């Protein structure tokens, strides 16, 4: 699952403490979320489905794995589609994800940049504020 890969990548590239202060300082409190709904990412022929609900819960299914997390989205540069997501895993069934990995992520927290675009409605997770290290697109299903 992308989330597990993101945690590994973040350990090398971006940690919660490394979110640029200039971006974090500009973030608004929680805003009406453009992420609400279902999104799909094709991970080498294995479909990952992310569902973000209005109550701040994210559910991901990937292969046999089901992960639930609590998320908070903050606007950084909404006119450019840039948001900061903080995501904490609250449950993970430990079954194989799209990569075959079975590690349990319960309790893990990550912060990522999200870049939203239209036509089609999609977003990417980004590891840096230059938006050069991104994964996606996650395509809106609704």
N, C-alpha and C. Protein backbone atom coordinates (compact mmCIF):
# COMPACT_ATOMS: atom_id res chain seq x y z
N UNK A 1 0.84 -1.17 0.00
CA UNK A 1 0.00 0.00 0.00
C UNK A 1 0.89 1.23 0.00
N UNK A 2 0.42 2.27 -0.68
CA UNK A 2 1.20 3.48 -0.78
C UNK A 2 1.53 4.05 0.60
N UNK A 3 0.57 4.01 1.52
CA UNK A 3 0.77 4.61 2.84
C UNK A 3 2.00 4.01 3.51
N UNK A 4 2.14 2.68 3.45
CA UNK A 4 3.29 2.01 4.06
C UNK A 4 4.58 2.47 3.38
N UNK A 5 4.54 2.58 2.05
CA UNK A 5 5.71 3.06 1.33
C UNK A 5 6.02 4.50 1.72
N UNK A 6 4.98 5.30 1.91
CA UNK A 6 5.18 6.69 2.31
C UNK A 6 5.86 6.77 3.66
N UNK A 7 5.45 5.92 4.59
CA UNK A 7 6.09 5.94 5.90
C UNK A 7 7.56 5.61 5.78
N UNK A 8 7.90 4.64 4.94
CA UNK A 8 9.30 4.29 4.75
C UNK A 8 10.06 5.43 4.09
N UNK A 9 9.46 6.03 3.08
CA UNK A 9 10.12 7.13 2.37
C UNK A 9 10.29 8.33 3.28
N UNK A 10 9.29 8.58 4.09
CA UNK A 10 9.35 9.74 4.97
C UNK A 10 10.46 9.58 6.00
N UNK A 11 10.70 8.36 6.41
CA UNK A 11 11.79 8.13 7.35
C UNK A 11 13.11 8.61 6.75
N UNK A 12 13.22 8.53 5.42
CA UNK A 12 14.44 8.96 4.74
C UNK A 12 14.38 10.40 4.26
N UNK A 13 13.18 10.87 3.88
CA UNK A 13 13.07 12.15 3.19
C UNK A 13 12.43 13.25 4.02
N UNK A 14 11.34 12.94 4.70
CA UNK A 14 10.56 13.98 5.35
C UNK A 14 9.94 13.42 6.62
N UNK A 15 10.19 14.06 7.73
CA UNK A 15 9.55 13.65 8.96
C UNK A 15 8.62 14.77 9.39
N UNK A 16 7.78 14.48 10.37
CA UNK A 16 6.85 15.49 10.86
C UNK A 16 7.59 16.76 11.22
N UNK A 17 8.75 16.62 11.84
CA UNK A 17 9.52 17.80 12.24
C UNK A 17 10.12 18.54 11.06
N UNK A 18 10.19 17.90 9.89
CA UNK A 18 10.82 18.54 8.75
C UNK A 18 9.84 19.23 7.82
N UNK A 19 8.54 19.25 8.13
CA UNK A 19 7.61 20.02 7.31
C UNK A 19 8.10 21.47 7.39
N UNK A 20 8.33 22.10 6.26
CA UNK A 20 8.85 23.47 6.30
C UNK A 20 8.01 24.37 7.19
N UNK A 21 8.68 25.05 8.13
CA UNK A 21 7.95 25.92 9.05
C UNK A 21 7.18 26.99 8.31
N UNK A 22 7.72 27.43 7.18
CA UNK A 22 7.03 28.47 6.41
C UNK A 22 5.68 27.97 5.91
N UNK A 23 5.59 26.68 5.57
CA UNK A 23 4.32 26.12 5.14
C UNK A 23 3.41 25.87 6.34
N UNK A 24 3.96 25.27 7.38
CA UNK A 24 3.15 24.96 8.55
C UNK A 24 2.57 26.24 9.16
N UNK A 25 3.36 27.29 9.18
CA UNK A 25 2.90 28.55 9.75
C UNK A 25 1.77 29.16 8.94
N UNK A 26 1.75 28.90 7.64
CA UNK A 26 0.72 29.45 6.77
C UNK A 26 -0.54 28.61 6.75
N UNK A 27 -0.48 27.43 7.36
CA UNK A 27 -1.64 26.55 7.28
C UNK A 27 -2.78 27.11 8.11
N UNK A 28 -3.96 27.01 7.55
CA UNK A 28 -5.16 27.43 8.26
C UNK A 28 -5.60 26.29 9.16
N UNK A 29 -6.52 26.58 10.07
CA UNK A 29 -7.09 25.49 10.83
C UNK A 29 -7.86 24.62 9.85
N UNK A 30 -8.39 23.52 10.32
CA UNK A 30 -9.08 22.59 9.43
C UNK A 30 -10.07 23.33 8.55
N UNK A 31 -10.13 22.94 7.30
CA UNK A 31 -10.97 23.60 6.31
C UNK A 31 -11.92 22.59 5.70
N UNK A 32 -12.90 23.09 4.95
CA UNK A 32 -13.77 22.20 4.18
C UNK A 32 -12.87 21.40 3.26
N UNK A 33 -12.95 20.12 3.36
CA UNK A 33 -11.97 19.26 2.74
C UNK A 33 -12.28 18.90 1.29
N UNK A 34 -11.33 19.16 0.39
CA UNK A 34 -11.50 18.69 -1.00
C UNK A 34 -11.24 17.20 -1.13
N UNK A 35 -10.78 16.55 -0.06
CA UNK A 35 -10.41 15.13 -0.13
C UNK A 35 -11.59 14.19 0.14
N UNK A 36 -12.70 14.71 0.65
CA UNK A 36 -13.83 13.85 1.02
C UNK A 36 -14.32 13.08 -0.20
N UNK A 37 -14.49 11.78 0.00
CA UNK A 37 -14.94 10.88 -1.06
C UNK A 37 -14.00 9.71 -1.22
N UNK A 38 -14.18 8.98 -2.31
CA UNK A 38 -13.36 7.80 -2.60
C UNK A 38 -12.41 8.09 -3.75
N UNK A 39 -11.20 7.57 -3.62
CA UNK A 39 -10.12 7.80 -4.58
C UNK A 39 -9.43 6.47 -4.85
N UNK A 40 -8.95 6.28 -6.07
CA UNK A 40 -8.30 5.03 -6.44
C UNK A 40 -6.90 5.30 -6.98
N UNK A 41 -5.97 4.45 -6.57
CA UNK A 41 -4.59 4.49 -7.04
C UNK A 41 -4.23 3.12 -7.56
N UNK A 42 -3.70 3.04 -8.77
CA UNK A 42 -3.27 1.76 -9.34
C UNK A 42 -1.81 1.55 -8.96
N UNK A 43 -1.59 0.57 -8.10
CA UNK A 43 -0.25 0.25 -7.62
C UNK A 43 0.24 -1.02 -8.33
N UNK A 44 0.82 -0.83 -9.51
CA UNK A 44 1.33 -1.96 -10.30
C UNK A 44 0.27 -3.03 -10.54
N UNK A 45 -0.92 -2.59 -10.96
CA UNK A 45 -2.00 -3.52 -11.27
C UNK A 45 -2.84 -3.92 -10.08
N UNK A 46 -2.51 -3.45 -8.90
CA UNK A 46 -3.29 -3.73 -7.69
C UNK A 46 -3.96 -2.41 -7.28
N UNK A 47 -5.26 -2.43 -7.16
CA UNK A 47 -5.99 -1.20 -6.87
C UNK A 47 -6.06 -0.92 -5.38
N UNK A 48 -5.67 0.30 -5.01
CA UNK A 48 -5.81 0.78 -3.64
C UNK A 48 -6.95 1.80 -3.64
N UNK A 49 -7.89 1.63 -2.73
CA UNK A 49 -9.01 2.56 -2.63
C UNK A 49 -8.93 3.28 -1.30
N UNK A 50 -8.93 4.60 -1.38
CA UNK A 50 -8.87 5.47 -0.20
C UNK A 50 -10.22 6.15 -0.07
N UNK A 51 -10.84 6.03 1.10
CA UNK A 51 -12.10 6.74 1.34
C UNK A 51 -11.88 7.68 2.52
N UNK A 52 -12.07 8.97 2.26
CA UNK A 52 -11.95 10.01 3.28
C UNK A 52 -13.36 10.47 3.62
N UNK A 53 -13.76 10.32 4.88
CA UNK A 53 -15.10 10.75 5.29
C UNK A 53 -15.04 12.13 5.94
N UNK A 54 -16.18 12.78 5.99
CA UNK A 54 -16.27 14.14 6.54
C UNK A 54 -15.97 14.18 8.04
N UNK A 55 -16.07 13.03 8.71
CA UNK A 55 -15.80 13.00 10.15
C UNK A 55 -14.32 12.81 10.48
N UNK A 56 -13.43 12.87 9.46
CA UNK A 56 -12.00 12.79 9.70
C UNK A 56 -11.44 11.39 9.75
N UNK A 57 -12.17 10.42 9.21
CA UNK A 57 -11.68 9.03 9.18
C UNK A 57 -11.33 8.68 7.73
N UNK A 58 -10.15 8.05 7.57
CA UNK A 58 -9.71 7.56 6.27
C UNK A 58 -9.67 6.05 6.34
N UNK A 59 -10.26 5.38 5.35
CA UNK A 59 -10.20 3.93 5.24
C UNK A 59 -9.55 3.58 3.92
N UNK A 60 -8.56 2.69 3.98
CA UNK A 60 -7.88 2.23 2.77
C UNK A 60 -8.01 0.73 2.66
N UNK A 61 -8.37 0.27 1.46
CA UNK A 61 -8.32 -1.17 1.16
C UNK A 61 -7.32 -1.35 0.03
N UNK A 62 -6.44 -2.32 0.22
CA UNK A 62 -5.40 -2.62 -0.76
C UNK A 62 -5.12 -4.12 -0.65
N UNK A 63 -5.46 -4.86 -1.72
CA UNK A 63 -5.35 -6.31 -1.69
C UNK A 63 -6.24 -6.80 -0.54
N UNK A 64 -5.68 -7.46 0.47
CA UNK A 64 -6.47 -7.95 1.60
C UNK A 64 -6.42 -7.01 2.80
N UNK A 65 -5.57 -6.02 2.75
CA UNK A 65 -5.38 -5.13 3.89
C UNK A 65 -6.48 -4.08 3.98
N UNK A 66 -6.90 -3.79 5.21
CA UNK A 66 -7.83 -2.69 5.49
C UNK A 66 -7.20 -1.87 6.62
N UNK A 67 -7.03 -0.57 6.37
CA UNK A 67 -6.43 0.34 7.35
C UNK A 67 -7.38 1.49 7.59
N UNK A 68 -7.58 1.83 8.86
CA UNK A 68 -8.36 3.02 9.22
C UNK A 68 -7.45 3.99 9.94
N UNK A 69 -7.65 5.26 9.64
CA UNK A 69 -6.83 6.31 10.25
C UNK A 69 -7.69 7.54 10.51
N UNK A 70 -7.21 8.35 11.43
CA UNK A 70 -7.82 9.65 11.68
C UNK A 70 -6.95 10.67 10.97
N UNK A 71 -7.58 11.55 10.18
CA UNK A 71 -6.80 12.53 9.44
C UNK A 71 -7.30 13.94 9.72
N UNK A 72 -6.39 14.89 9.50
CA UNK A 72 -6.72 16.31 9.57
C UNK A 72 -6.07 16.97 8.37
N UNK A 73 -6.85 17.74 7.63
CA UNK A 73 -6.35 18.42 6.43
C UNK A 73 -6.32 19.91 6.70
N UNK A 74 -5.20 20.54 6.36
CA UNK A 74 -5.05 21.98 6.55
C UNK A 74 -4.67 22.62 5.22
N UNK A 75 -5.28 23.75 4.94
CA UNK A 75 -4.97 24.48 3.71
C UNK A 75 -3.63 25.18 3.86
N UNK A 76 -2.77 25.01 2.88
CA UNK A 76 -1.51 25.74 2.82
C UNK A 76 -1.60 26.82 1.75
N UNK A 77 -1.79 26.38 0.52
CA UNK A 77 -2.00 27.28 -0.61
C UNK A 77 -3.19 26.72 -1.40
N UNK A 78 -4.41 26.89 -0.88
CA UNK A 78 -5.58 26.27 -1.52
C UNK A 78 -5.79 26.73 -2.96
N UNK A 79 -5.42 27.96 -3.30
CA UNK A 79 -5.57 28.43 -4.67
C UNK A 79 -4.70 27.63 -5.62
N UNK A 80 -3.65 26.99 -5.11
CA UNK A 80 -2.78 26.12 -5.91
C UNK A 80 -3.07 24.64 -5.64
N UNK A 81 -4.10 24.36 -4.83
CA UNK A 81 -4.46 22.98 -4.52
C UNK A 81 -3.53 22.29 -3.55
N UNK A 82 -2.81 23.04 -2.71
CA UNK A 82 -1.82 22.46 -1.81
C UNK A 82 -2.33 22.45 -0.37
N UNK A 83 -2.31 21.25 0.22
CA UNK A 83 -2.79 21.03 1.58
C UNK A 83 -1.78 20.17 2.34
N UNK A 84 -1.85 20.23 3.67
CA UNK A 84 -1.04 19.40 4.54
C UNK A 84 -1.98 18.42 5.24
N UNK A 85 -1.69 17.13 5.14
CA UNK A 85 -2.50 16.13 5.83
C UNK A 85 -1.66 15.50 6.94
N UNK A 86 -2.28 15.41 8.11
CA UNK A 86 -1.70 14.67 9.24
C UNK A 86 -2.61 13.47 9.44
N UNK A 87 -2.01 12.29 9.47
CA UNK A 87 -2.76 11.05 9.41
C UNK A 87 -2.20 10.09 10.46
N UNK A 88 -3.07 9.59 11.36
CA UNK A 88 -2.65 8.63 12.38
C UNK A 88 -3.47 7.36 12.24
N UNK A 89 -2.78 6.23 12.07
CA UNK A 89 -3.44 4.94 11.89
C UNK A 89 -4.06 4.50 13.22
N UNK A 90 -5.37 4.18 13.17
CA UNK A 90 -6.06 3.70 14.37
C UNK A 90 -6.33 2.20 14.33
N UNK A 91 -6.32 1.59 13.14
CA UNK A 91 -6.42 0.14 13.05
C UNK A 91 -5.87 -0.34 11.72
N UNK A 92 -5.32 -1.55 11.76
CA UNK A 92 -4.72 -2.17 10.58
C UNK A 92 -4.91 -3.67 10.76
N UNK A 93 -5.57 -4.35 9.79
CA UNK A 93 -5.83 -5.77 9.97
C UNK A 93 -4.61 -6.65 9.76
N UNK A 94 -3.48 -6.08 9.33
CA UNK A 94 -2.24 -6.84 9.21
C UNK A 94 -2.17 -7.81 8.05
N UNK A 95 -3.15 -7.77 7.16
CA UNK A 95 -3.15 -8.67 6.00
C UNK A 95 -2.32 -8.07 4.87
N UNK A 96 -1.98 -8.86 3.86
CA UNK A 96 -1.12 -8.39 2.78
C UNK A 96 -1.71 -7.21 2.00
N UNK A 97 -0.86 -6.21 1.76
CA UNK A 97 -1.25 -5.08 0.93
C UNK A 97 -0.83 -5.37 -0.52
N UNK A 98 -0.85 -4.38 -1.37
CA UNK A 98 -0.53 -4.58 -2.80
C UNK A 98 0.92 -5.01 -3.03
N UNK A 99 1.80 -4.71 -2.09
CA UNK A 99 3.19 -5.14 -2.24
C UNK A 99 3.45 -6.48 -1.57
N UNK A 100 2.41 -7.04 -0.90
CA UNK A 100 2.56 -8.29 -0.18
C UNK A 100 3.00 -8.11 1.26
N UNK A 101 3.27 -6.86 1.66
CA UNK A 101 3.71 -6.55 3.01
C UNK A 101 2.58 -6.76 4.00
N UNK A 102 2.91 -7.27 5.19
CA UNK A 102 1.89 -7.53 6.21
C UNK A 102 2.17 -6.81 7.53
N UNK A 103 3.01 -5.81 7.54
CA UNK A 103 3.30 -5.11 8.79
C UNK A 103 2.09 -4.33 9.27
N UNK A 104 1.96 -4.20 10.57
CA UNK A 104 0.86 -3.45 11.18
C UNK A 104 1.34 -2.05 11.51
N UNK A 105 0.55 -1.05 11.10
CA UNK A 105 0.95 0.36 11.26
C UNK A 105 0.17 1.08 12.36
N UNK A 106 -0.63 0.38 13.13
CA UNK A 106 -1.45 1.02 14.15
C UNK A 106 -0.58 1.92 15.04
N UNK A 107 -1.02 3.17 15.20
CA UNK A 107 -0.31 4.15 16.01
C UNK A 107 0.64 5.04 15.23
N UNK A 108 0.98 4.65 14.00
CA UNK A 108 1.90 5.46 13.19
C UNK A 108 1.23 6.76 12.75
N UNK A 109 1.99 7.84 12.77
CA UNK A 109 1.51 9.15 12.31
C UNK A 109 2.44 9.65 11.22
N UNK A 110 1.85 10.29 10.22
CA UNK A 110 2.62 10.83 9.11
C UNK A 110 2.01 12.16 8.70
N UNK A 111 2.86 13.06 8.21
CA UNK A 111 2.40 14.30 7.59
C UNK A 111 2.91 14.31 6.16
N UNK A 112 2.02 14.60 5.23
CA UNK A 112 2.37 14.68 3.82
C UNK A 112 1.70 15.90 3.21
N UNK A 113 2.27 16.37 2.13
CA UNK A 113 1.62 17.40 1.35
C UNK A 113 0.69 16.70 0.36
N UNK A 114 -0.47 17.30 0.11
CA UNK A 114 -1.40 16.79 -0.89
C UNK A 114 -1.60 17.90 -1.91
N UNK A 115 -1.47 17.52 -3.18
CA UNK A 115 -1.67 18.48 -4.27
C UNK A 115 -2.89 18.03 -5.07
N UNK A 116 -3.93 18.86 -5.07
CA UNK A 116 -5.17 18.55 -5.78
C UNK A 116 -5.17 19.23 -7.14
N UNK A 117 -5.73 18.53 -8.13
CA UNK A 117 -5.87 19.06 -9.48
C UNK A 117 -7.24 18.64 -10.02
N UNK A 118 -7.68 19.35 -11.03
CA UNK A 118 -8.97 19.04 -11.68
C UNK A 118 -8.73 18.43 -13.05
N UNK A 119 -9.80 17.92 -13.64
CA UNK A 119 -9.83 17.42 -15.03
C UNK A 119 -8.81 16.34 -15.34
N UNK A 120 -8.95 15.12 -14.88
CA UNK A 120 -9.98 14.69 -13.95
C UNK A 120 -9.60 15.07 -12.52
N UNK A 121 -10.58 15.00 -11.63
CA UNK A 121 -10.34 15.33 -10.23
C UNK A 121 -9.38 14.29 -9.65
N UNK A 122 -8.23 14.78 -9.15
CA UNK A 122 -7.21 13.87 -8.66
C UNK A 122 -6.32 14.59 -7.64
N UNK A 123 -5.52 13.80 -6.92
CA UNK A 123 -4.51 14.38 -6.04
C UNK A 123 -3.28 13.49 -6.05
N UNK A 124 -2.18 14.05 -5.58
CA UNK A 124 -0.94 13.31 -5.37
C UNK A 124 -0.46 13.61 -3.96
N UNK A 125 0.20 12.62 -3.34
CA UNK A 125 0.90 12.82 -2.08
C UNK A 125 2.32 13.27 -2.44
N UNK A 126 2.80 14.32 -1.78
CA UNK A 126 4.13 14.84 -2.08
C UNK A 126 4.98 14.86 -0.81
N UNK A 127 6.28 14.62 -1.00
CA UNK A 127 7.21 14.53 0.12
C UNK A 127 7.99 15.80 0.36
N UNK A 128 7.86 16.79 -0.54
CA UNK A 128 8.61 18.03 -0.37
C UNK A 128 7.79 19.20 -0.90
N UNK A 129 8.08 20.39 -0.41
CA UNK A 129 7.29 21.55 -0.80
C UNK A 129 7.60 22.05 -2.21
N UNK A 130 8.63 21.50 -2.86
CA UNK A 130 8.90 21.82 -4.26
C UNK A 130 8.01 20.97 -5.18
N UNK A 131 7.28 20.01 -4.60
CA UNK A 131 6.36 19.12 -5.32
C UNK A 131 7.08 18.30 -6.38
N UNK A 132 8.33 17.94 -6.09
CA UNK A 132 9.09 17.12 -7.03
C UNK A 132 9.01 15.64 -6.68
N UNK A 133 8.88 15.31 -5.41
CA UNK A 133 8.78 13.93 -4.96
C UNK A 133 7.34 13.59 -4.63
N UNK A 134 6.56 13.25 -5.65
CA UNK A 134 5.13 12.99 -5.45
C UNK A 134 4.76 11.60 -5.93
N UNK A 135 3.69 11.04 -5.35
CA UNK A 135 3.14 9.76 -5.77
C UNK A 135 1.67 9.96 -6.10
N UNK A 136 1.26 9.43 -7.22
CA UNK A 136 -0.13 9.53 -7.65
C UNK A 136 -0.17 9.36 -9.15
N UNK A 137 -1.27 9.65 -9.75
CA UNK A 137 -2.43 10.32 -9.17
C UNK A 137 -3.42 9.34 -8.53
N UNK A 138 -4.11 9.86 -7.53
CA UNK A 138 -5.24 9.19 -6.92
C UNK A 138 -6.46 9.82 -7.59
N UNK A 139 -7.24 9.02 -8.28
CA UNK A 139 -8.36 9.51 -9.09
C UNK A 139 -9.66 9.44 -8.29
N UNK A 140 -10.44 10.52 -8.31
CA UNK A 140 -11.71 10.59 -7.58
C UNK A 140 -12.74 9.66 -8.20
N UNK A 141 -13.42 8.88 -7.38
CA UNK A 141 -14.40 7.88 -7.85
C UNK A 141 -15.84 8.37 -7.84
N UNK A 142 -16.15 9.38 -7.06
CA UNK A 142 -17.54 9.80 -6.90
C UNK A 142 -18.01 10.69 -8.03
